[in-house]
Each structure stands twice: as structure tokens, then as C-alpha cells.
Amino acid sequence: MEITNGIFQAANNIYQNNKGSLLRTVIYTIGHFVIAITVLMLIADVSFAVALTDAIIEPIANSVWYFILDKWWASRSKK
């Protein structure tokens, strides 16, 4: 029980300290899913299933990158 409470508290602390970055990251990721599926289906002429798979995997990697970039950028702006 104590471990579970610690995990939830840690997750809450991460959320509270990164609310703005996390929200922007989620919005960016959803938009990227839609754009990637559309582009792949129109330009690469792949099936929806292939486009969906790529549209999920690739933005997850981009989202991690964006979160790191945003945190770095915000830390530089405060100085």
C-alpha cells in the first residue's frame, strides 16, 4: 500500500511540475497522428493499418523529444 501511494504521489508531483509541457505535448501528439496518417495514405499510398502503425510509433518518439526540448527551452527562458 505504501509503495502504491508513493508511486501515485510521484506521478502527481511530475504532473504538477510539468502541466504546461505535458498538455502541449499531448495536443502536439494528437495532431501529429492525424497529419501522419493523412500524409502517408495520400503520398505513400499505404493502407490505413500501416499508416496508423507508423502514425502512432513515430510521434511517440517525437513527443519524448518535444518534451525534452520544451523543458530545456523553458529553463533557458527563465534565466
Protein backbone atom coordinates (compact mmCIF):
# COMPACT_ATOMS: atom_id res chain seq x y z
CA MET A 1 0.00 0.00 0.00
CA GLU A 2 2.80 2.40 0.88
CA ILE A 3 4.57 1.72 -2.43
CA THR A 4 1.36 2.40 -4.36
CA ASN A 5 0.84 5.69 -2.53
CA GLY A 6 4.44 6.66 -3.26
CA ILE A 7 4.02 5.92 -6.96
CA PHE A 8 0.82 7.97 -7.16
CA GLN A 9 2.44 10.83 -5.23
CA ALA A 10 5.48 10.78 -7.52
CA ALA A 11 3.24 10.76 -10.61
CA ASN A 12 1.22 13.65 -9.18
CA ASN A 13 4.41 15.62 -8.48
CA ILE A 14 5.61 15.06 -12.06
CA TYR A 15 2.22 16.16 -13.39
CA GLN A 16 2.05 19.27 -11.18
CA ASN A 17 5.58 20.34 -12.12
CA ASN A 18 5.08 19.79 -15.86
CA LYS A 19 1.41 20.61 -16.53
CA GLY A 20 2.01 23.08 -19.36
CA SER A 21 4.61 20.98 -21.13
CA LEU A 22 2.53 17.82 -20.84
CA LEU A 23 -0.60 19.49 -22.24
CA ARG A 24 1.28 20.95 -25.20
CA THR A 25 2.92 17.56 -25.78
CA VAL A 26 -0.44 15.73 -25.82
CA ILE A 27 -2.00 18.26 -28.22
CA TYR A 28 1.05 18.07 -30.50
CA THR A 29 0.92 14.27 -30.46
CA ILE A 30 -2.77 14.06 -31.40
CA GLY A 31 -2.25 16.50 -34.27
CA HIS A 32 0.76 14.53 -35.41
CA PHE A 33 -1.26 11.28 -35.50
CA VAL A 34 -3.84 12.87 -37.81
CA ILE A 35 -1.28 14.55 -40.06
CA ALA A 36 0.92 11.44 -40.33
CA ILE A 37 -1.97 9.14 -41.23
CA THR A 38 -3.24 11.55 -43.88
CA VAL A 39 0.17 12.17 -45.45
CA LEU A 40 1.13 8.51 -45.52
CA MET A 41 -2.14 7.46 -47.11
CA LEU A 42 -2.01 10.21 -49.73
CA ILE A 43 1.68 10.31 -50.61
CA ALA A 44 3.00 6.82 -49.85
CA ASP A 45 -0.27 5.12 -50.86
CA VAL A 46 -0.17 2.74 -47.89
CA SER A 47 -3.12 1.10 -46.18
CA PHE A 48 -4.79 2.69 -43.20
CA ALA A 49 -3.36 -0.02 -40.90
CA VAL A 50 0.22 0.70 -41.98
CA ALA A 51 -0.34 4.47 -41.78
CA LEU A 52 -1.88 4.10 -38.32
CA THR A 53 1.01 1.99 -37.04
CA ASP A 54 3.60 4.48 -38.28
CA ALA A 55 1.49 7.40 -37.09
CA ILE A 56 1.49 6.01 -33.55
CA ILE A 57 5.09 4.83 -33.22
CA GLU A 58 6.86 7.79 -34.79
CA PRO A 59 5.01 10.55 -32.87
CA ILE A 60 5.66 8.82 -29.57
CA ALA A 61 9.37 9.20 -30.25
CA ASN A 62 8.80 12.80 -31.39
CA SER A 63 6.75 13.54 -28.27
CA VAL A 64 9.55 12.44 -26.00
CA TRP A 65 11.91 14.64 -27.99
CA TYR A 66 9.49 17.60 -27.84
CA PHE A 67 9.01 17.24 -24.07
CA ILE A 68 12.78 17.30 -23.52
CA LEU A 69 13.17 20.27 -25.88
CA ASP A 70 10.31 22.17 -24.23
CA LYS A 71 11.74 21.61 -20.74
CA TRP A 72 15.17 22.78 -21.90
CA TRP A 73 13.66 25.79 -23.71
CA ALA A 74 11.58 26.79 -20.68
CA SER A 75 14.61 26.50 -18.39
CA ARG A 76 16.61 28.80 -20.70
CA SER A 77 13.75 31.35 -20.84
CA LYS A 78 13.69 31.77 -17.05
CA LYS A 79 17.30 32.95 -16.93
